[in-house]
Amino acid sequence: MSTKQLLAEIDRGINALQKARALCLKGEAVAPKAKATAAKTAKVTKAPAKKAAKGGMSDEGRARIAAAQQKRWAKVKREKKKAAKAASSAM
């Protein structure tokens, strides 16, 4: 394909796109039959509604985790107090 042929093909493509854009702006881009077909297709391919996702963790499980975390933080605080007390008595 020569350069002139390639440029002519590109120009035809540009013209086709400009026409399609003009039709879209006028609201006439889709023929009435195509609109009906698109609506039917959309109804057929419509995905079923998803169920709401459940939490996956029971209240008892959540309470056990919270208690364990509180226990860990209490241990850290105790160790901090011990270190602060040891540092202040060492001075």
PDB file of N, CA and C in Angstrom:
ATOM      1  N   MET A   1       0.858  -1.166   0.000  1.00  0.00           N
ATOM      2  CA  MET A   1       0.000   0.000   0.000  1.00  0.00           C
ATOM      3  C   MET A   1       0.907   1.232   0.000  1.00  0.00           C
ATOM      4  N   SER A   2       0.616   2.130  -0.906  1.00  0.00           N
ATOM      5  CA  SER A   2       1.438   3.333  -1.000  1.00  0.00           C
ATOM      6  C   SER A   2       1.002   4.350   0.041  1.00  0.00           C
ATOM      7  N   THR A   3       1.806   5.377   0.199  1.00  0.00           N
ATOM      8  CA  THR A   3       1.513   6.423   1.176  1.00  0.00           C
ATOM      9  C   THR A   3       0.216   7.139   0.821  1.00  0.00           C
ATOM     10  N   LYS A   4      -0.013   7.395  -0.461  1.00  0.00           N
ATOM     11  CA  LYS A   4      -1.242   8.088  -0.883  1.00  0.00           C
ATOM     12  C   LYS A   4      -2.470   7.245  -0.561  1.00  0.00           C
ATOM     13  N   GLN A   5      -2.385   5.950  -0.793  1.00  0.00           N
ATOM     14  CA  GLN A   5      -3.514   5.072  -0.493  1.00  0.00           C
ATOM     15  C   GLN A   5      -3.767   5.017   1.010  1.00  0.00           C
ATOM     16  N   LEU A   6      -2.709   4.966   1.770  1.00  0.00           N
ATOM     17  CA  LEU A   6      -2.829   4.931   3.221  1.00  0.00           C
ATOM     18  C   LEU A   6      -3.488   6.200   3.748  1.00  0.00           C
ATOM     19  N   LEU A   7      -3.044   7.359   3.229  1.00  0.00           N
ATOM     20  CA  LEU A   7      -3.631   8.628   3.653  1.00  0.00           C
ATOM     21  C   LEU A   7      -5.094   8.721   3.239  1.00  0.00           C
ATOM     22  N   ALA A   8      -5.428   8.214   2.051  1.00  0.00           N
ATOM     23  CA  ALA A   8      -6.824   8.225   1.598  1.00  0.00           C
ATOM     24  C   ALA A   8      -7.685   7.370   2.516  1.00  0.00           C
ATOM     25  N   GLU A   9      -7.175   6.224   2.924  1.00  0.00           N
ATOM     26  CA  GLU A   9      -7.910   5.339   3.845  1.00  0.00           C
ATOM     27  C   GLU A   9      -8.113   6.013   5.203  1.00  0.00           C
ATOM     28  N   ILE A  10      -7.086   6.681   5.686  1.00  0.00           N
ATOM     29  CA  ILE A  10      -7.196   7.408   6.958  1.00  0.00           C
ATOM     30  C   ILE A  10      -8.233   8.516   6.844  1.00  0.00           C
ATOM     31  N   ASP A  11      -8.234   9.244   5.743  1.00  0.00           N
ATOM     32  CA  ASP A  11      -9.214  10.317   5.545  1.00  0.00           C
ATOM     33  C   ASP A  11     -10.632   9.763   5.523  1.00  0.00           C
ATOM     34  N   ARG A  12     -10.840   8.596   4.873  1.00  0.00           N
ATOM     35  CA  ARG A  12     -12.172   7.986   4.860  1.00  0.00           C
ATOM     36  C   ARG A  12     -12.598   7.616   6.280  1.00  0.00           C
ATOM     37  N   GLY A  13     -11.657   7.099   7.044  1.00  0.00           N
ATOM     38  CA  GLY A  13     -11.972   6.749   8.431  1.00  0.00           C
ATOM     39  C   GLY A  13     -12.323   7.972   9.262  1.00  0.00           C
ATOM     40  N   ILE A  14     -11.578   9.047   9.064  1.00  0.00           N
ATOM     41  CA  ILE A  14     -11.845  10.287   9.796  1.00  0.00           C
ATOM     42  C   ILE A  14     -13.218  10.818   9.433  1.00  0.00           C
ATOM     43  N   ASN A  15     -13.546  10.806   8.141  1.00  0.00           N
ATOM     44  CA  ASN A  15     -14.864  11.291   7.698  1.00  0.00           C
ATOM     45  C   ASN A  15     -15.981  10.450   8.308  1.00  0.00           C
ATOM     46  N   ALA A  16     -15.803   9.150   8.333  1.00  0.00           N
ATOM     47  CA  ALA A  16     -16.819   8.271   8.912  1.00  0.00           C
ATOM     48  C   ALA A  16     -16.996   8.571  10.399  1.00  0.00           C
ATOM     49  N   LEU A  17     -15.902   8.788  11.105  1.00  0.00           N
ATOM     50  CA  LEU A  17     -15.991   9.104  12.529  1.00  0.00           C
ATOM     51  C   LEU A  17     -16.653  10.454  12.769  1.00  0.00           C
ATOM     52  N   GLN A  18     -16.365  11.429  11.917  1.00  0.00           N
ATOM     53  CA  GLN A  18     -16.988  12.748  12.061  1.00  0.00           C
ATOM     54  C   GLN A  18     -18.489  12.661  11.832  1.00  0.00           C
ATOM     55  N   LYS A  19     -18.905  11.871  10.856  1.00  0.00           N
ATOM     56  CA  LYS A  19     -20.337  11.685  10.603  1.00  0.00           C
ATOM     57  C   LYS A  19     -21.007  11.007  11.801  1.00  0.00           C
ATOM     58  N   ALA A  20     -20.355   9.989  12.326  1.00  0.00           N
ATOM     59  CA  ALA A  20     -20.909   9.279  13.482  1.00  0.00           C
ATOM     60  C   ALA A  20     -21.019  10.212  14.682  1.00  0.00           C
ATOM     61  N   ARG A  21     -20.033  11.078  14.860  1.00  0.00           N
ATOM     62  CA  ARG A  21     -20.055  12.033  15.970  1.00  0.00           C
ATOM     63  C   ARG A  21     -21.202  13.014  15.805  1.00  0.00           C
ATOM     64  N   ALA A  22     -21.399  13.486  14.572  1.00  0.00           N
ATOM     65  CA  ALA A  22     -22.493  14.424  14.312  1.00  0.00           C
ATOM     66  C   ALA A  22     -23.833  13.762  14.597  1.00  0.00           C
ATOM     67  N   LEU A  23     -23.985  12.505  14.217  1.00  0.00           N
ATOM     68  CA  LEU A  23     -25.232  11.800  14.482  1.00  0.00           C
ATOM     69  C   LEU A  23     -25.449  11.607  15.974  1.00  0.00           C
ATOM     70  N   CYS A  24     -24.382  11.322  16.693  1.00  0.00           N
ATOM     71  CA  CYS A  24     -24.502  11.146  18.148  1.00  0.00           C
ATOM     72  C   CYS A  24     -24.944  12.441  18.811  1.00  0.00           C
ATOM     73  N   LEU A  25     -24.408  13.540  18.348  1.00  0.00           N
ATOM     74  CA  LEU A  25     -24.771  14.819  18.937  1.00  0.00           C
ATOM     75  C   LEU A  25     -26.227  15.170  18.647  1.00  0.00           C
ATOM     76  N   LYS A  26     -26.750  14.720  17.528  1.00  0.00           N
ATOM     77  CA  LYS A  26     -28.148  14.978  17.186  1.00  0.00           C
ATOM     78  C   LYS A  26     -29.082  13.982  17.862  1.00  0.00           C
ATOM     79  N   GLY A  27     -28.533  12.915  18.408  1.00  0.00           N
ATOM     80  CA  GLY A  27     -29.363  11.915  19.072  1.00  0.00           C
ATOM     81  C   GLY A  27     -29.916  10.899  18.100  1.00  0.00           C
ATOM     82  N   GLU A  28     -29.389  10.846  16.887  1.00  0.00           N
ATOM     83  CA  GLU A  28     -29.885   9.925  15.882  1.00  0.00           C
ATOM     84  C   GLU A  28     -28.873   8.827  15.590  1.00  0.00           C
ATOM     85  N   ALA A  29     -27.930   8.614  16.466  1.00  0.00           N
ATOM     86  CA  ALA A  29     -26.853   7.668  16.194  1.00  0.00           C
ATOM     87  C   ALA A  29     -27.360   6.236  16.149  1.00  0.00           C
ATOM     88  N   VAL A  30     -28.378   5.917  16.957  1.00  0.00           N
ATOM     89  CA  VAL A  30     -28.885   4.556  17.015  1.00  0.00           C
ATOM     90  C   VAL A  30     -30.248   4.518  16.357  1.00  0.00           C
ATOM     91  N   ALA A  31     -30.427   3.630  15.414  1.00  0.00           N
ATOM     92  CA  ALA A  31     -31.705   3.478  14.731  1.00  0.00           C
ATOM     93  C   ALA A  31     -32.736   2.955  15.718  1.00  0.00           C
ATOM     94  N   PRO A  32     -34.024   3.242  15.512  1.00  0.00           N
ATOM     95  CA  PRO A  32     -35.056   2.778  16.451  1.00  0.00           C
ATOM     96  C   PRO A  32     -35.042   1.269  16.651  1.00  0.00           C
ATOM     97  N   LYS A  33     -34.829   0.484  15.594  1.00  0.00           N
ATOM     98  CA  LYS A  33     -34.782  -0.967  15.749  1.00  0.00           C
ATOM     99  C   LYS A  33     -33.604  -1.378  16.616  1.00  0.00           C
ATOM    100  N   ALA A  34     -32.494  -0.709  16.435  1.00  0.00           N
ATOM    101  CA  ALA A  34     -31.311  -1.040  17.224  1.00  0.00           C
ATOM    102  C   ALA A  34     -31.540  -0.715  18.693  1.00  0.00           C
ATOM    103  N   LYS A  35     -32.266   0.371  18.963  1.00  0.00           N
ATOM    104  CA  LYS A  35     -32.550   0.721  20.363  1.00  0.00           C
ATOM    105  C   LYS A  35     -33.361  -0.385  21.021  1.00  0.00           C
ATOM    106  N   ALA A  36     -34.386  -0.885  20.333  1.00  0.00           N
ATOM    107  CA  ALA A  36     -35.225  -1.937  20.892  1.00  0.00           C
ATOM    108  C   ALA A  36     -34.411  -3.200  21.107  1.00  0.00           C
ATOM    109  N   THR A  37     -33.570  -3.516  20.157  1.00  0.00           N
ATOM    110  CA  THR A  37     -32.739  -4.703  20.281  1.00  0.00           C
ATOM    111  C   THR A  37     -31.772  -4.563  21.446  1.00  0.00           C
ATOM    112  N   ALA A  38     -31.190  -3.374  21.590  1.00  0.00           N
ATOM    113  CA  ALA A  38     -30.263  -3.151  22.690  1.00  0.00           C
ATOM    114  C   ALA A  38     -30.980  -3.291  24.021  1.00  0.00           C
ATOM    115  N   ALA A  39     -32.220  -2.805  24.101  1.00  0.00           N
ATOM    116  CA  ALA A  39     -32.976  -2.908  25.348  1.00  0.00           C
ATOM    117  C   ALA A  39     -33.268  -4.371  25.672  1.00  0.00           C
ATOM    118  N   LYS A  40     -33.648  -5.157  24.655  1.00  0.00           N
ATOM    119  CA  LYS A  40     -33.924  -6.571  24.890  1.00  0.00           C
ATOM    120  C   LYS A  40     -32.661  -7.294  25.331  1.00  0.00           C
ATOM    121  N   THR A  41     -31.558  -6.992  24.681  1.00  0.00           N
ATOM    122  CA  THR A  41     -30.293  -7.629  25.018  1.00  0.00           C
ATOM    123  C   THR A  41     -29.886  -7.283  26.444  1.00  0.00           C
ATOM    124  N   ALA A  42     -30.093  -6.039  26.818  1.00  0.00           N
ATOM    125  CA  ALA A  42     -29.724  -5.615  28.167  1.00  0.00           C
ATOM    126  C   ALA A  42     -30.542  -6.379  29.201  1.00  0.00           C
ATOM    127  N   LYS A  43     -31.816  -6.620  28.903  1.00  0.00           N
ATOM    128  CA  LYS A  43     -32.652  -7.340  29.853  1.00  0.00           C
ATOM    129  C   LYS A  43     -32.214  -8.794  29.967  1.00  0.00           C
ATOM    130  N   VAL A  44     -31.822  -9.376  28.858  1.00  0.00           N
ATOM    131  CA  VAL A  44     -31.431 -10.776  28.850  1.00  0.00           C
ATOM    132  C   VAL A  44     -30.103 -10.964  29.572  1.00  0.00           C
ATOM    133  N   THR A  45     -29.160 -10.057  29.354  1.00  0.00           N
ATOM    134  CA  THR A  45     -27.835 -10.226  29.924  1.00  0.00           C
ATOM    135  C   THR A  45     -27.678  -9.567  31.286  1.00  0.00           C
ATOM    136  N   LYS A  46     -28.742  -9.045  31.822  1.00  0.00           N
ATOM    137  CA  LYS A  46     -28.661  -8.362  33.114  1.00  0.00           C
ATOM    138  C   LYS A  46     -28.284  -9.359  34.210  1.00  0.00           C
ATOM    139  N   ALA A  47     -27.309  -8.997  34.995  1.00  0.00           N
ATOM    140  CA  ALA A  47     -26.839  -9.873  36.062  1.00  0.00           C
ATOM    141  C   ALA A  47     -27.829  -9.844  37.225  1.00  0.00           C
ATOM    142  N   PRO A  48     -27.995 -10.947  37.925  1.00  0.00           N
ATOM    143  CA  PRO A  48     -28.888 -10.954  39.074  1.00  0.00           C
ATOM    144  C   PRO A  48     -28.341 -10.078  40.193  1.00  0.00           C
ATOM    145  N   ALA A  49     -29.236  -9.550  40.989  1.00  0.00           N
ATOM    146  CA  ALA A  49     -28.821  -8.676  42.087  1.00  0.00           C
ATOM    147  C   ALA A  49     -27.988  -9.465  43.084  1.00  0.00           C
ATOM    148  N   LYS A  50     -26.921  -8.852  43.547  1.00  0.00           N
ATOM    149  CA  LYS A  50     -26.041  -9.518  44.515  1.00  0.00           C
ATOM    150  C   LYS A  50     -26.642  -9.408  45.905  1.00  0.00           C
ATOM    151  N   LYS A  51     -26.454 -10.450  46.678  1.00  0.00           N
ATOM    152  CA  LYS A  51     -26.898 -10.417  48.064  1.00  0.00           C
ATOM    153  C   LYS A  51     -25.891  -9.608  48.872  1.00  0.00           C
ATOM    154  N   ALA A  52     -26.370  -8.987  49.913  1.00  0.00           N
ATOM    155  CA  ALA A  52     -25.480  -8.201  50.764  1.00  0.00           C
ATOM    156  C   ALA A  52     -24.471  -9.126  51.432  1.00  0.00           C
ATOM    157  N   ALA A  53     -23.231  -8.706  51.440  1.00  0.00           N
ATOM    158  CA  ALA A  53     -22.179  -9.511  52.055  1.00  0.00           C
ATOM    159  C   ALA A  53     -22.355  -9.511  53.571  1.00  0.00           C
ATOM    160  N   LYS A  54     -22.200 -10.661  54.151  1.00  0.00           N
ATOM    161  CA  LYS A  54     -22.339 -10.765  55.604  1.00  0.00           C
ATOM    162  C   LYS A  54     -20.983 -10.555  56.252  1.00  0.00           C
ATOM    163  N   GLY A  55     -21.010 -10.236  57.530  1.00  0.00           N
ATOM    164  CA  GLY A  55     -19.790  -9.916  58.255  1.00  0.00           C
ATOM    165  C   GLY A  55     -18.790 -11.045  58.327  1.00  0.00           C
ATOM    166  N   GLY A  56     -19.254 -12.248  58.517  1.00  0.00           N
ATOM    167  CA  GLY A  56     -18.347 -13.374  58.562  1.00  0.00           C
ATOM    168  C   GLY A  56     -17.745 -13.626  59.935  1.00  0.00           C
ATOM    169  N   MET A  57     -18.011 -12.762  60.889  1.00  0.00           N
ATOM    170  CA  MET A  57     -17.462 -12.957  62.230  1.00  0.00           C
ATOM    171  C   MET A  57     -18.598 -12.819  63.243  1.00  0.00           C
ATOM    172  N   SER A  58     -18.687 -13.770  64.137  1.00  0.00           N
ATOM    173  CA  SER A  58     -19.748 -13.729  65.145  1.00  0.00           C
ATOM    174  C   SER A  58     -19.402 -12.700  66.224  1.00  0.00           C
ATOM    175  N   ASP A  59     -20.402 -12.341  66.974  1.00  0.00           N
ATOM    176  CA  ASP A  59     -20.182 -11.395  68.073  1.00  0.00           C
ATOM    177  C   ASP A  59     -19.243 -11.988  69.119  1.00  0.00           C
ATOM    178  N   GLU A  60     -19.354 -13.295  69.354  1.00  0.00           N
ATOM    179  CA  GLU A  60     -18.484 -13.934  70.331  1.00  0.00           C
ATOM    180  C   GLU A  60     -17.029 -13.899  69.854  1.00  0.00           C
ATOM    181  N   GLY A  61     -16.821 -14.172  68.582  1.00  0.00           N
ATOM    182  CA  GLY A  61     -15.471 -14.135  68.027  1.00  0.00           C
ATOM    183  C   GLY A  61     -14.870 -12.742  68.111  1.00  0.00           C
ATOM    184  N   ARG A  62     -15.693 -11.750  67.793  1.00  0.00           N
ATOM    185  CA  ARG A  62     -15.229 -10.355  67.869  1.00  0.00           C
ATOM    186  C   ARG A  62     -14.869  -9.997  69.310  1.00  0.00           C
ATOM    187  N   ALA A  63     -15.663 -10.467  70.277  1.00  0.00           N
ATOM    188  CA  ALA A  63     -15.398 -10.190  71.685  1.00  0.00           C
ATOM    189  C   ALA A  63     -14.094 -10.861  72.144  1.00  0.00           C
ATOM    190  N   ARG A  64     -13.854 -12.102  71.672  1.00  0.00           N
ATOM    191  CA  ARG A  64     -12.607 -12.790  72.037  1.00  0.00           C
ATOM    192  C   ARG A  64     -11.393 -12.041  71.504  1.00  0.00           C
ATOM    193  N   ILE A  65     -11.502 -11.568  70.274  1.00  0.00           N
ATOM    194  CA  ILE A  65     -10.382 -10.825  69.683  1.00  0.00           C
ATOM    195  C   ILE A  65     -10.147  -9.527  70.442  1.00  0.00           C
ATOM    196  N   ALA A  66     -11.227  -8.819  70.785  1.00  0.00           N
ATOM    197  CA  ALA A  66     -11.090  -7.565  71.526  1.00  0.00           C
ATOM    198  C   ALA A  66     -10.454  -7.807  72.888  1.00  0.00           C
ATOM    199  N   ALA A  67     -10.866  -8.876  73.574  1.00  0.00           N
ATOM    200  CA  ALA A  67     -10.301  -9.188  74.892  1.00  0.00           C
ATOM    201  C   ALA A  67      -8.815  -9.515  74.775  1.00  0.00           C
ATOM    202  N   ALA A  68      -8.444 -10.276  73.765  1.00  0.00           N
ATOM    203  CA  ALA A  68      -7.043 -10.621  73.586  1.00  0.00           C
ATOM    204  C   ALA A  68      -6.210  -9.373  73.291  1.00  0.00           C
ATOM    205  N   GLN A  69      -6.745  -8.467  72.491  1.00  0.00           N
ATOM    206  CA  GLN A  69      -6.018  -7.233  72.172  1.00  0.00           C
ATOM    207  C   GLN A  69      -5.862  -6.361  73.418  1.00  0.00           C
ATOM    208  N   GLN A  70      -6.909  -6.268  74.220  1.00  0.00           N
ATOM    209  CA  GLN A  70      -6.817  -5.493  75.464  1.00  0.00           C
ATOM    210  C   GLN A  70      -5.762  -6.093  76.396  1.00  0.00           C
ATOM    211  N   LYS A  71      -5.698  -7.418  76.434  1.00  0.00           N
ATOM    212  CA  LYS A  71      -4.708  -8.089  77.264  1.00  0.00           C
ATOM    213  C   LYS A  71      -3.301  -7.780  76.776  1.00  0.00           C
ATOM    214  N   ARG A  72      -3.095  -7.774  75.445  1.00  0.00           N
ATOM    215  CA  ARG A  72      -1.773  -7.455  74.900  1.00  0.00           C
ATOM    216  C   ARG A  72      -1.377  -6.025  75.245  1.00  0.00           C
ATOM    217  N   TRP A  73      -2.309  -5.090  75.080  1.00  0.00           N
ATOM    218  CA  TRP A  73      -1.986  -3.686  75.392  1.00  0.00           C
ATOM    219  C   TRP A  73      -1.732  -3.486  76.878  1.00  0.00           C
ATOM    220  N   ALA A  74      -2.465  -4.206  77.728  1.00  0.00           N
ATOM    221  CA  ALA A  74      -2.220  -4.106  79.168  1.00  0.00           C
ATOM    222  C   ALA A  74      -0.809  -4.582  79.498  1.00  0.00           C
ATOM    223  N   LYS A  75      -0.367  -5.640  78.846  1.00  0.00           N
ATOM    224  CA  LYS A  75       0.986  -6.154  79.058  1.00  0.00           C
ATOM    225  C   LYS A  75       2.021  -5.115  78.640  1.00  0.00           C
ATOM    226  N   VAL A  76       1.806  -4.473  77.490  1.00  0.00           N
ATOM    227  CA  VAL A  76       2.743  -3.451  77.008  1.00  0.00           C
ATOM    228  C   VAL A  76       2.798  -2.286  77.993  1.00  0.00           C
ATOM    229  N   LYS A  77       1.635  -1.868  78.494  1.00  0.00           N
ATOM    230  CA  LYS A  77       1.598  -0.748  79.437  1.00  0.00           C
ATOM    231  C   LYS A  77       2.304  -1.110  80.735  1.00  0.00           C
ATOM    232  N   ARG A  78       2.104  -2.355  81.204  1.00  0.00           N
ATOM    233  CA  ARG A  78       2.787  -2.792  82.426  1.00  0.00           C
ATOM    234  C   ARG A  78       4.294  -2.739  82.240  1.00  0.00           C
ATOM    235  N   GLU A  79       4.764  -3.232  81.095  1.00  0.00           N
ATOM    236  CA  GLU A  79       6.204  -3.234  80.839  1.00  0.00           C
ATOM    237  C   GLU A  79       6.744  -1.810  80.743  1.00  0.00           C
ATOM    238  N   LYS A  80       5.976  -0.893  80.179  1.00  0.00           N
ATOM    239  CA  LYS A  80       6.410   0.508  80.098  1.00  0.00           C
ATOM    240  C   LYS A  80       6.529   1.109  81.496  1.00  0.00           C
ATOM    241  N   LYS A  81       5.521   0.812  82.344  1.00  0.00           N
ATOM    242  CA  LYS A  81       5.564   1.330  83.718  1.00  0.00           C
ATOM    243  C   LYS A  81       6.764   0.767  84.470  1.00  0.00           C
ATOM    244  N   LYS A  82       7.040  -0.532  84.276  1.00  0.00           N
ATOM    245  CA  LYS A  82       8.191  -1.144  84.939  1.00  0.00           C
ATOM    246  C   LYS A  82       9.478  -0.486  84.483  1.00  0.00           C
ATOM    247  N   ALA A  83       9.610  -0.251  83.190  1.00  0.00           N
ATOM    248  CA  ALA A  83      10.822   0.351  82.647  1.00  0.00           C
ATOM    249  C   ALA A  83      10.967   1.782  83.142  1.00  0.00           C
ATOM    250  N   ALA A  84       9.872   2.538  83.213  1.00  0.00           N
ATOM    251  CA  ALA A  84       9.925   3.915  83.686  1.00  0.00           C
ATOM    252  C   ALA A  84      10.289   3.941  85.179  1.00  0.00           C
ATOM    253  N   LYS A  85       9.698   2.992  85.946  1.00  0.00           N
ATOM    254  CA  LYS A  85       9.984   2.938  87.382  1.00  0.00           C
ATOM    255  C   LYS A  85      11.438   2.555  87.612  1.00  0.00           C
ATOM    256  N   ALA A  86      11.954   1.614  86.845  1.00  0.00           N
ATOM    257  CA  ALA A  86      13.339   1.180  86.980  1.00  0.00           C
ATOM    258  C   ALA A  86      14.292   2.313  86.597  1.00  0.00           C
ATOM    259  N   ALA A  87      13.949   3.057  85.567  1.00  0.00           N
ATOM    260  CA  ALA A  87      14.797   4.170  85.114  1.00  0.00           C
ATOM    261  C   ALA A  87      14.796   5.291  86.141  1.00  0.00           C
ATOM    262  N   SER A  88      13.642   5.571  86.743  1.00  0.00           N
ATOM    263  CA  SER A  88      13.589   6.659  87.721  1.00  0.00           C
ATOM    264  C   SER A  88      14.284   6.273  89.037  1.00  0.00           C
ATOM    265  N   SER A  89      14.234   5.009  89.416  1.00  0.00           N
ATOM    266  CA  SER A  89      14.898   4.585  90.647  1.00  0.00           C
ATOM    267  C   SER A  89      16.406   4.428  90.442  1.00  0.00           C
ATOM    268  N   ALA A  90      16.835   4.245  89.209  1.00  0.00           N
ATOM    269  CA  ALA A  90      18.248   4.115  88.928  1.00  0.00           C
ATOM    270  C   ALA A  90      18.955   5.478  88.988  1.00  0.00           C
ATOM    271  N   MET A  91      18.238   6.534  88.863  1.00  0.00           N
ATOM    272  CA  MET A  91      18.846   7.852  88.886  1.00  0.00           C
ATOM    273  C   MET A  91      19.152   8.285  90.239  1.00  0.00           C
TER     274      MET A  91
END
